[in-house]
């Protein structure tokens, strides 16, 4: 199986907490790219980090009177590996 390393950048549309078919902790990050979006999956430690980020962004949005994290228009750069059709997060950072 060929693994491709990619970097995706764009605005955060949403972060969703999920459970994988195996019962593992999984977080889905949706990043707006041009006309569409990229779905990125984070497991284990990266999932926990994205959950903390979601909590902080949600508090910030509420403080500014916004209802959605996407309204903040936060830019992020996500690096990861493409396995099958899934983009698996290996790192991320907020971009100014």
PDB file of N, CA and C in Angstrom:
ATOM      1  N   UNK A   1       0.835  -1.166   0.000  1.00  0.00           N
ATOM      2  CA  UNK A   1       0.000   0.000   0.000  1.00  0.00           C
ATOM      3  C   UNK A   1       0.888   1.240   0.000  1.00  0.00           C
ATOM      4  N   UNK A   2       0.622   2.176  -0.886  1.00  0.00           N
ATOM      5  CA  UNK A   2       1.403   3.396  -1.004  1.00  0.00           C
ATOM      6  C   UNK A   2       0.855   4.446  -0.042  1.00  0.00           C
ATOM      7  N   UNK A   3       1.752   5.053   0.743  1.00  0.00           N
ATOM      8  CA  UNK A   3       1.368   6.128   1.639  1.00  0.00           C
ATOM      9  C   UNK A   3       1.919   7.432   1.090  1.00  0.00           C
ATOM     10  N   UNK A   4       1.071   8.425   1.024  1.00  0.00           N
ATOM     11  CA  UNK A   4       1.453   9.727   0.505  1.00  0.00           C
ATOM     12  C   UNK A   4       1.419  10.738   1.643  1.00  0.00           C
ATOM     13  N   UNK A   5       2.474  11.529   1.789  1.00  0.00           N
ATOM     14  CA  UNK A   5       2.529  12.579   2.806  1.00  0.00           C
ATOM     15  C   UNK A   5       2.026  13.868   2.176  1.00  0.00           C
ATOM     16  N   UNK A   6       1.083  14.524   2.863  1.00  0.00           N
ATOM     17  CA  UNK A   6       0.499  15.763   2.337  1.00  0.00           C
ATOM     18  C   UNK A   6       0.402  16.815   3.427  1.00  0.00           C
ATOM     19  N   UNK A   7       0.317  18.063   3.002  1.00  0.00           N
ATOM     20  CA  UNK A   7       0.054  19.188   3.897  1.00  0.00           C
ATOM     21  C   UNK A   7      -1.161  19.920   3.348  1.00  0.00           C
ATOM     22  N   UNK A   8      -2.128  20.174   4.216  1.00  0.00           N
ATOM     23  CA  UNK A   8      -3.365  20.841   3.843  1.00  0.00           C
ATOM     24  C   UNK A   8      -3.465  22.109   4.670  1.00  0.00           C
ATOM     25  N   UNK A   9      -3.801  23.224   4.030  1.00  0.00           N
ATOM     26  CA  UNK A   9      -4.046  24.436   4.810  1.00  0.00           C
ATOM     27  C   UNK A   9      -5.362  25.057   4.386  1.00  0.00           C
ATOM     28  N   UNK A  10      -6.004  25.711   5.341  1.00  0.00           N
ATOM     29  CA  UNK A  10      -7.283  26.348   5.090  1.00  0.00           C
ATOM     30  C   UNK A  10      -7.943  26.733   6.400  1.00  0.00           C
ATOM     31  N   UNK A  11      -9.224  27.105   6.340  1.00  0.00           N
ATOM     32  CA  UNK A  11      -9.963  27.513   7.533  1.00  0.00           C
ATOM     33  C   UNK A  11     -10.668  26.319   8.163  1.00  0.00           C
ATOM     34  N   UNK A  12     -10.736  26.319   9.485  1.00  0.00           N
ATOM     35  CA  UNK A  12     -11.426  25.244  10.198  1.00  0.00           C
ATOM     36  C   UNK A  12     -12.929  25.416  10.012  1.00  0.00           C
ATOM     37  N   UNK A  13     -13.578  24.409   9.460  1.00  0.00           N
ATOM     38  CA  UNK A  13     -15.044  24.403   9.344  1.00  0.00           C
ATOM     39  C   UNK A  13     -15.673  23.753  10.561  1.00  0.00           C
ATOM     40  N   UNK A  14     -15.012  22.762  11.116  1.00  0.00           N
ATOM     41  CA  UNK A  14     -15.552  22.086  12.287  1.00  0.00           C
ATOM     42  C   UNK A  14     -14.642  20.983  12.775  1.00  0.00           C
ATOM     43  N   UNK A  15     -14.832  20.643  14.049  1.00  0.00           N
ATOM     44  CA  UNK A  15     -14.100  19.544  14.666  1.00  0.00           C
ATOM     45  C   UNK A  15     -15.151  18.673  15.335  1.00  0.00           C
ATOM     46  N   UNK A  16     -15.209  17.405  14.960  1.00  0.00           N
ATOM     47  CA  UNK A  16     -16.222  16.492  15.489  1.00  0.00           C
ATOM     48  C   UNK A  16     -15.573  15.321  16.209  1.00  0.00           C
ATOM     49  N   UNK A  17     -16.120  15.024  17.370  1.00  0.00           N
ATOM     50  CA  UNK A  17     -15.655  13.880  18.159  1.00  0.00           C
ATOM     51  C   UNK A  17     -16.387  12.639  17.671  1.00  0.00           C
ATOM     52  N   UNK A  18     -15.646  11.601  17.315  1.00  0.00           N
ATOM     53  CA  UNK A  18     -16.223  10.365  16.787  1.00  0.00           C
ATOM     54  C   UNK A  18     -15.655   9.159  17.518  1.00  0.00           C
ATOM     55  N   UNK A  19     -16.206   8.000  17.213  1.00  0.00           N
ATOM     56  CA  UNK A  19     -15.661   6.729  17.700  1.00  0.00           C
ATOM     57  C   UNK A  19     -15.384   5.877  16.473  1.00  0.00           C
ATOM     58  N   UNK A  20     -14.178   5.340  16.393  1.00  0.00           N
ATOM     59  CA  UNK A  20     -13.819   4.520  15.241  1.00  0.00           C
ATOM     60  C   UNK A  20     -14.526   3.174  15.337  1.00  0.00           C
ATOM     61  N   UNK A  21     -14.584   2.426  14.236  1.00  0.00           N
ATOM     62  CA  UNK A  21     -15.201   1.089  14.267  1.00  0.00           C
ATOM     63  C   UNK A  21     -14.549   0.150  15.284  1.00  0.00           C
ATOM     64  N   UNK A  22     -13.277   0.387  15.596  1.00  0.00           N
ATOM     65  CA  UNK A  22     -12.569  -0.444  16.574  1.00  0.00           C
ATOM     66  C   UNK A  22     -12.781   0.047  18.007  1.00  0.00           C
ATOM     67  N   UNK A  23     -13.489   1.184  18.167  1.00  0.00           N
ATOM     68  CA  UNK A  23     -13.734   1.735  19.495  1.00  0.00           C
ATOM     69  C   UNK A  23     -12.683   2.724  19.945  1.00  0.00           C
ATOM     70  N   UNK A  24     -11.746   3.082  19.067  1.00  0.00           N
ATOM     71  CA  UNK A  24     -10.691   4.030  19.413  1.00  0.00           C
ATOM     72  C   UNK A  24     -11.226   5.454  19.397  1.00  0.00           C
ATOM     73  N   UNK A  25     -10.507   6.335  20.104  1.00  0.00           N
ATOM     74  CA  UNK A  25     -10.844   7.750  20.093  1.00  0.00           C
ATOM     75  C   UNK A  25     -10.480   8.319  18.723  1.00  0.00           C
ATOM     76  N   UNK A  26     -11.387   9.083  18.152  1.00  0.00           N
ATOM     77  CA  UNK A  26     -11.207   9.613  16.801  1.00  0.00           C
ATOM     78  C   UNK A  26     -11.817  11.005  16.745  1.00  0.00           C
ATOM     79  N   UNK A  27     -11.113  11.937  16.123  1.00  0.00           N
ATOM     80  CA  UNK A  27     -11.624  13.281  15.918  1.00  0.00           C
ATOM     81  C   UNK A  27     -11.541  13.588  14.431  1.00  0.00           C
ATOM     82  N   UNK A  28     -12.627  14.126  13.889  1.00  0.00           N
ATOM     83  CA  UNK A  28     -12.680  14.506  12.481  1.00  0.00           C
ATOM     84  C   UNK A  28     -12.550  16.020  12.384  1.00  0.00           C
ATOM     85  N   UNK A  29     -11.585  16.475  11.608  1.00  0.00           N
ATOM     86  CA  UNK A  29     -11.344  17.900  11.386  1.00  0.00           C
ATOM     87  C   UNK A  29     -11.696  18.205   9.940  1.00  0.00           C
ATOM     88  N   UNK A  30     -12.556  19.194   9.735  1.00  0.00           N
ATOM     89  CA  UNK A  30     -12.899  19.606   8.369  1.00  0.00           C
ATOM     90  C   UNK A  30     -12.248  20.948   8.090  1.00  0.00           C
ATOM     91  N   UNK A  31     -11.456  20.983   7.020  1.00  0.00           N
ATOM     92  CA  UNK A  31     -10.709  22.181   6.641  1.00  0.00           C
ATOM     93  C   UNK A  31     -11.214  22.667   5.291  1.00  0.00           C
ATOM     94  N   UNK A  32     -11.612  23.943   5.227  1.00  0.00           N
ATOM     95  CA  UNK A  32     -12.099  24.538   3.982  1.00  0.00           C
ATOM     96  C   UNK A  32     -10.923  24.816   3.069  1.00  0.00           C
ATOM     97  N   UNK A  33     -11.031  24.280   1.838  1.00  0.00           N
ATOM     98  CA  UNK A  33      -9.984  24.478   0.829  1.00  0.00           C
ATOM     99  C   UNK A  33     -10.644  24.925  -0.461  1.00  0.00           C
ATOM    100  N   UNK A  34     -10.514  26.160  -0.817  1.00  0.00           N
ATOM    101  CA  UNK A  34     -11.102  26.642  -2.064  1.00  0.00           C
ATOM    102  C   UNK A  34     -12.602  26.456  -2.070  1.00  0.00           C
ATOM    103  N   UNK A  35     -13.115  25.719  -3.040  1.00  0.00           N
ATOM    104  CA  UNK A  35     -14.556  25.515  -3.179  1.00  0.00           C
ATOM    105  C   UNK A  35     -15.069  24.365  -2.319  1.00  0.00           C
ATOM    106  N   UNK A  36     -14.195  23.492  -1.861  1.00  0.00           N
ATOM    107  CA  UNK A  36     -14.629  22.317  -1.102  1.00  0.00           C
ATOM    108  C   UNK A  36     -13.989  22.271   0.273  1.00  0.00           C
ATOM    109  N   UNK A  37     -13.916  21.072   0.828  1.00  0.00           N
ATOM    110  CA  UNK A  37     -13.275  20.892   2.126  1.00  0.00           C
ATOM    111  C   UNK A  37     -12.508  19.577   2.139  1.00  0.00           C
ATOM    112  N   UNK A  38     -11.572  19.492   3.070  1.00  0.00           N
ATOM    113  CA  UNK A  38     -10.765  18.287   3.276  1.00  0.00           C
ATOM    114  C   UNK A  38     -11.145  17.692   4.625  1.00  0.00           C
ATOM    115  N   UNK A  39     -11.404  16.410   4.662  1.00  0.00           N
ATOM    116  CA  UNK A  39     -11.745  15.709   5.898  1.00  0.00           C
ATOM    117  C   UNK A  39     -10.484  15.037   6.423  1.00  0.00           C
ATOM    118  N   UNK A  40     -10.056  15.426   7.627  1.00  0.00           N
ATOM    119  CA  UNK A  40      -8.846  14.896   8.234  1.00  0.00           C
ATOM    120  C   UNK A  40      -9.221  14.129   9.497  1.00  0.00           C
ATOM    121  N   UNK A  41      -8.625  12.973   9.703  1.00  0.00           N
ATOM    122  CA  UNK A  41      -8.915  12.139  10.868  1.00  0.00           C
ATOM    123  C   UNK A  41      -7.709  12.105  11.800  1.00  0.00           C
ATOM    124  N   UNK A  42      -7.972  12.310  13.101  1.00  0.00           N
ATOM    125  CA  UNK A  42      -6.904  12.282  14.097  1.00  0.00           C
ATOM    126  C   UNK A  42      -7.211  11.205  15.126  1.00  0.00           C
ATOM    127  N   UNK A  43      -6.196  10.442  15.493  1.00  0.00           N
ATOM    128  CA  UNK A  43      -6.335   9.367  16.474  1.00  0.00           C
ATOM    129  C   UNK A  43      -5.454   9.664  17.683  1.00  0.00           C
ATOM    130  N   UNK A  44      -5.769   9.055  18.803  1.00  0.00           N
ATOM    131  CA  UNK A  44      -4.968   9.031  20.026  1.00  0.00           C
ATOM    132  C   UNK A  44      -4.550  10.429  20.488  1.00  0.00           C
ATOM    133  N   UNK A  45      -3.255  10.696  20.556  1.00  0.00           N
ATOM    134  CA  UNK A  45      -2.748  11.952  21.103  1.00  0.00           C
ATOM    135  C   UNK A  45      -3.206  13.151  20.274  1.00  0.00           C
ATOM    136  N   UNK A  46      -3.172  13.049  18.964  1.00  0.00           N
ATOM    137  CA  UNK A  46      -3.605  14.164  18.111  1.00  0.00           C
ATOM    138  C   UNK A  46      -5.094  14.428  18.286  1.00  0.00           C
ATOM    139  N   UNK A  47      -5.870  13.374  18.533  1.00  0.00           N
ATOM    140  CA  UNK A  47      -7.315  13.542  18.781  1.00  0.00           C
ATOM    141  C   UNK A  47      -7.534  14.324  20.070  1.00  0.00           C
ATOM    142  N   UNK A  48      -6.782  14.008  21.098  1.00  0.00           N
ATOM    143  CA  UNK A  48      -6.911  14.721  22.370  1.00  0.00           C
ATOM    144  C   UNK A  48      -6.524  16.189  22.211  1.00  0.00           C
ATOM    145  N   UNK A  49      -5.468  16.466  21.445  1.00  0.00           N
ATOM    146  CA  UNK A  49      -5.042  17.842  21.214  1.00  0.00           C
ATOM    147  C   UNK A  49      -6.102  18.622  20.444  1.00  0.00           C
ATOM    148  N   UNK A  50      -6.721  17.991  19.445  1.00  0.00           N
ATOM    149  CA  UNK A  50      -7.771  18.666  18.682  1.00  0.00           C
ATOM    150  C   UNK A  50      -9.018  18.908  19.533  1.00  0.00           C
ATOM    151  N   UNK A  51      -9.317  18.003  20.464  1.00  0.00           N
ATOM    152  CA  UNK A  51     -10.445  18.214  21.378  1.00  0.00           C
ATOM    153  C   UNK A  51     -10.198  19.440  22.259  1.00  0.00           C
ATOM    154  N   UNK A  52      -8.976  19.560  22.770  1.00  0.00           N
ATOM    155  CA  UNK A  52      -8.637  20.736  23.587  1.00  0.00           C
ATOM    156  C   UNK A  52      -8.753  22.010  22.754  1.00  0.00           C
ATOM    157  N   UNK A  53      -8.276  21.961  21.513  1.00  0.00           N
ATOM    158  CA  UNK A  53      -8.371  23.116  20.626  1.00  0.00           C
ATOM    159  C   UNK A  53      -9.831  23.473  20.376  1.00  0.00           C
ATOM    160  N   UNK A  54     -10.682  22.483  20.160  1.00  0.00           N
ATOM    161  CA  UNK A  54     -12.110  22.726  19.944  1.00  0.00           C
ATOM    162  C   UNK A  54     -12.725  23.429  21.151  1.00  0.00           C
ATOM    163  N   UNK A  55     -12.394  22.968  22.349  1.00  0.00           N
ATOM    164  CA  UNK A  55     -12.915  23.596  23.560  1.00  0.00           C
ATOM    165  C   UNK A  55     -12.522  25.057  23.662  1.00  0.00           C
ATOM    166  N   UNK A  56     -11.261  25.352  23.377  1.00  0.00           N
ATOM    167  CA  UNK A  56     -10.780  26.730  23.448  1.00  0.00           C
ATOM    168  C   UNK A  56     -11.423  27.600  22.374  1.00  0.00           C
ATOM    169  N   UNK A  57     -11.554  27.063  21.163  1.00  0.00           N
ATOM    170  CA  UNK A  57     -12.185  27.829  20.085  1.00  0.00           C
ATOM    171  C   UNK A  57     -13.667  28.067  20.361  1.00  0.00           C
ATOM    172  N   UNK A  58     -14.344  27.069  20.939  1.00  0.00           N
ATOM    173  CA  UNK A  58     -15.763  27.220  21.273  1.00  0.00           C
ATOM    174  C   UNK A  58     -15.947  28.305  22.336  1.00  0.00           C
ATOM    175  N   UNK A  59     -15.069  28.343  23.343  1.00  0.00           N
ATOM    176  CA  UNK A  59     -15.132  29.388  24.369  1.00  0.00           C
ATOM    177  C   UNK A  59     -14.888  30.760  23.762  1.00  0.00           C
ATOM    178  N   UNK A  60     -13.923  30.847  22.861  1.00  0.00           N
ATOM    179  CA  UNK A  60     -13.629  32.113  22.192  1.00  0.00           C
ATOM    180  C   UNK A  60     -14.810  32.582  21.351  1.00  0.00           C
ATOM    181  N   UNK A  61     -15.420  31.663  20.618  1.00  0.00           N
ATOM    182  CA  UNK A  61     -16.578  32.008  19.785  1.00  0.00           C
ATOM    183  C   UNK A  61     -17.739  32.502  20.647  1.00  0.00           C
ATOM    184  N   UNK A  62     -18.011  31.806  21.754  1.00  0.00           N
ATOM    185  CA  UNK A  62     -19.085  32.239  22.658  1.00  0.00           C
ATOM    186  C   UNK A  62     -18.799  33.625  23.217  1.00  0.00           C
ATOM    187  N   UNK A  63     -17.550  33.867  23.575  1.00  0.00           N
ATOM    188  CA  UNK A  63     -17.153  35.166  24.119  1.00  0.00           C
ATOM    189  C   UNK A  63     -17.352  36.307  23.130  1.00  0.00           C
ATOM    190  N   UNK A  64     -17.229  35.988  21.842  1.00  0.00           N
ATOM    191  CA  UNK A  64     -17.415  37.001  20.803  1.00  0.00           C
ATOM    192  C   UNK A  64     -18.846  37.034  20.282  1.00  0.00           C
ATOM    193  N   UNK A  65     -19.733  36.217  20.868  1.00  0.00           N
ATOM    194  CA  UNK A  65     -21.137  36.197  20.461  1.00  0.00           C
ATOM    195  C   UNK A  65     -21.406  35.416  19.186  1.00  0.00           C
ATOM    196  N   UNK A  66     -20.508  34.526  18.813  1.00  0.00           N
ATOM    197  CA  UNK A  66     -20.674  33.693  17.621  1.00  0.00           C
ATOM    198  C   UNK A  66     -21.221  32.335  18.026  1.00  0.00           C
ATOM    199  N   UNK A  67     -21.923  31.692  17.108  1.00  0.00           N
ATOM    200  CA  UNK A  67     -22.522  30.398  17.431  1.00  0.00           C
ATOM    201  C   UNK A  67     -21.693  29.217  16.944  1.00  0.00           C
ATOM    202  N   UNK A  68     -20.842  29.434  15.939  1.00  0.00           N
ATOM    203  CA  UNK A  68     -20.066  28.334  15.369  1.00  0.00           C
ATOM    204  C   UNK A  68     -18.579  28.654  15.368  1.00  0.00           C
ATOM    205  N   UNK A  69     -17.775  27.627  15.495  1.00  0.00           N
ATOM    206  CA  UNK A  69     -16.319  27.781  15.429  1.00  0.00           C
ATOM    207  C   UNK A  69     -15.909  28.280  14.046  1.00  0.00           C
ATOM    208  N   UNK A  70     -16.606  27.854  13.013  1.00  0.00           N
ATOM    209  CA  UNK A  70     -16.279  28.264  11.638  1.00  0.00           C
ATOM    210  C   UNK A  70     -16.386  29.773  11.459  1.00  0.00           C
ATOM    211  N   UNK A  71     -17.239  30.436  12.254  1.00  0.00           N
ATOM    212  CA  UNK A  71     -17.386  31.891  12.153  1.00  0.00           C
ATOM    213  C   UNK A  71     -16.130  32.640  12.576  1.00  0.00           C
ATOM    214  N   UNK A  72     -15.251  31.984  13.335  1.00  0.00           N
ATOM    215  CA  UNK A  72     -13.993  32.606  13.747  1.00  0.00           C
ATOM    216  C   UNK A  72     -13.002  32.726  12.593  1.00  0.00           C
ATOM    217  N   UNK A  73     -13.168  31.898  11.575  1.00  0.00           N
ATOM    218  CA  UNK A  73     -12.293  31.887  10.394  1.00  0.00           C
ATOM    219  C   UNK A  73     -10.830  31.657  10.776  1.00  0.00           C
ATOM    220  N   UNK A  74     -10.598  30.638  11.607  1.00  0.00           N
ATOM    221  CA  UNK A  74      -9.252  30.280  12.060  1.00  0.00           C
ATOM    222  C   UNK A  74      -8.569  29.455  10.978  1.00  0.00           C
ATOM    223  N   UNK A  75      -7.360  29.882  10.611  1.00  0.00           N
ATOM    224  CA  UNK A  75      -6.596  29.152   9.600  1.00  0.00           C
ATOM    225  C   UNK A  75      -5.690  28.128  10.288  1.00  0.00           C
ATOM    226  N   UNK A  76      -5.582  26.970   9.654  1.00  0.00           N
ATOM    227  CA  UNK A  76      -4.783  25.882  10.212  1.00  0.00           C
ATOM    228  C   UNK A  76      -4.007  25.203   9.090  1.00  0.00           C
ATOM    229  N   UNK A  77      -2.834  24.681   9.436  1.00  0.00           N
ATOM    230  CA  UNK A  77      -2.038  23.884   8.498  1.00  0.00           C
ATOM    231  C   UNK A  77      -1.921  22.490   9.093  1.00  0.00           C
ATOM    232  N   UNK A  78      -2.391  21.500   8.356  1.00  0.00           N
ATOM    233  CA  UNK A  78      -2.426  20.120   8.840  1.00  0.00           C
ATOM    234  C   UNK A  78      -1.505  19.272   7.973  1.00  0.00           C
ATOM    235  N   UNK A  79      -0.621  18.513   8.605  1.00  0.00           N
ATOM    236  CA  UNK A  79       0.218  17.571   7.864  1.00  0.00           C
ATOM    237  C   UNK A  79      -0.251  16.173   8.214  1.00  0.00           C
ATOM    238  N   UNK A  80      -0.113  15.280   7.268  1.00  0.00           N
ATOM    239  CA  UNK A  80      -0.574  13.929   7.524  1.00  0.00           C
ATOM    240  C   UNK A  80      -0.224  12.965   6.418  1.00  0.00           C
ATOM    241  N   UNK A  81      -0.719  11.755   6.591  1.00  0.00           N
ATOM    242  CA  UNK A  81      -0.475  10.662   5.655  1.00  0.00           C
ATOM    243  C   UNK A  81      -1.811  10.231   5.065  1.00  0.00           C
ATOM    244  N   UNK A  82      -1.828  10.006   3.770  1.00  0.00           N
ATOM    245  CA  UNK A  82      -3.027   9.506   3.113  1.00  0.00           C
ATOM    246  C   UNK A  82      -2.920   7.992   3.034  1.00  0.00           C
ATOM    247  N   UNK A  83      -3.852   7.310   3.723  1.00  0.00           N
ATOM    248  CA  UNK A  83      -3.932   5.841   3.680  1.00  0.00           C
ATOM    249  C   UNK A  83      -5.296   5.508   3.111  1.00  0.00           C
ATOM    250  N   UNK A  84      -5.311   4.695   2.089  1.00  0.00           N
ATOM    251  CA  UNK A  84      -6.558   4.399   1.371  1.00  0.00           C
ATOM    252  C   UNK A  84      -7.142   5.734   0.914  1.00  0.00           C
ATOM    253  N   UNK A  85      -8.303   6.095   1.447  1.00  0.00           N
ATOM    254  CA  UNK A  85      -8.898   7.391   1.091  1.00  0.00           C
ATOM    255  C   UNK A  85      -8.879   8.353   2.269  1.00  0.00           C
ATOM    256  N   UNK A  86      -8.347   7.940   3.418  1.00  0.00           N
ATOM    257  CA  UNK A  86      -8.366   8.753   4.621  1.00  0.00           C
ATOM    258  C   UNK A  86      -7.086   9.563   4.770  1.00  0.00           C
ATOM    259  N   UNK A  87      -7.246  10.805   5.230  1.00  0.00           N
ATOM    260  CA  UNK A  87      -6.121  11.678   5.535  1.00  0.00           C
ATOM    261  C   UNK A  87      -5.916  11.615   7.048  1.00  0.00           C
ATOM    262  N   UNK A  88      -4.831  10.969   7.493  1.00  0.00           N
ATOM    263  CA  UNK A  88      -4.545  10.756   8.913  1.00  0.00           C
ATOM    264  C   UNK A  88      -3.606  11.867   9.409  1.00  0.00           C
ATOM    265  N   UNK A  89      -4.045  12.603  10.407  1.00  0.00           N
ATOM    266  CA  UNK A  89      -3.286  13.744  10.937  1.00  0.00           C
ATOM    267  C   UNK A  89      -2.058  13.278  11.700  1.00  0.00           C
ATOM    268  N   UNK A  90      -0.893  13.841  11.347  1.00  0.00           N
ATOM    269  CA  UNK A  90       0.328  13.599  12.117  1.00  0.00           C
ATOM    270  C   UNK A  90       0.790  14.862  12.823  1.00  0.00           C
ATOM    271  N   UNK A  91       0.268  16.016  12.416  1.00  0.00           N
ATOM    272  CA  UNK A  91       0.606  17.284  13.048  1.00  0.00           C
ATOM    273  C   UNK A  91      -0.272  18.399  12.526  1.00  0.00           C
ATOM    274  N   UNK A  92      -0.391  19.449  13.337  1.00  0.00           N
ATOM    275  CA  UNK A  92      -1.151  20.611  12.893  1.00  0.00           C
ATOM    276  C   UNK A  92      -0.647  21.850  13.619  1.00  0.00           C
ATOM    277  N   UNK A  93      -0.895  23.015  13.022  1.00  0.00           N
ATOM    278  CA  UNK A  93      -0.548  24.265  13.663  1.00  0.00           C
ATOM    279  C   UNK A  93      -1.482  25.351  13.156  1.00  0.00           C
ATOM    280  N   UNK A  94      -1.730  26.327  14.032  1.00  0.00           N
ATOM    281  CA  UNK A  94      -2.560  27.464  13.640  1.00  0.00           C
ATOM    282  C   UNK A  94      -1.693  28.419  12.841  1.00  0.00           C
ATOM    283  N   UNK A  95      -2.286  29.064  11.837  1.00  0.00           N
ATOM    284  CA  UNK A  95      -1.555  29.963  10.945  1.00  0.00           C
ATOM    285  C   UNK A  95      -2.135  31.360  11.091  1.00  0.00           C
ATOM    286  N   UNK A  96      -1.280  32.366  11.123  1.00  0.00           N
ATOM    287  CA  UNK A  96      -1.748  33.762  11.206  1.00  0.00           C
ATOM    288  C   UNK A  96      -2.276  34.224   9.889  1.00  0.00           C
TER     289      UNK A  96
END
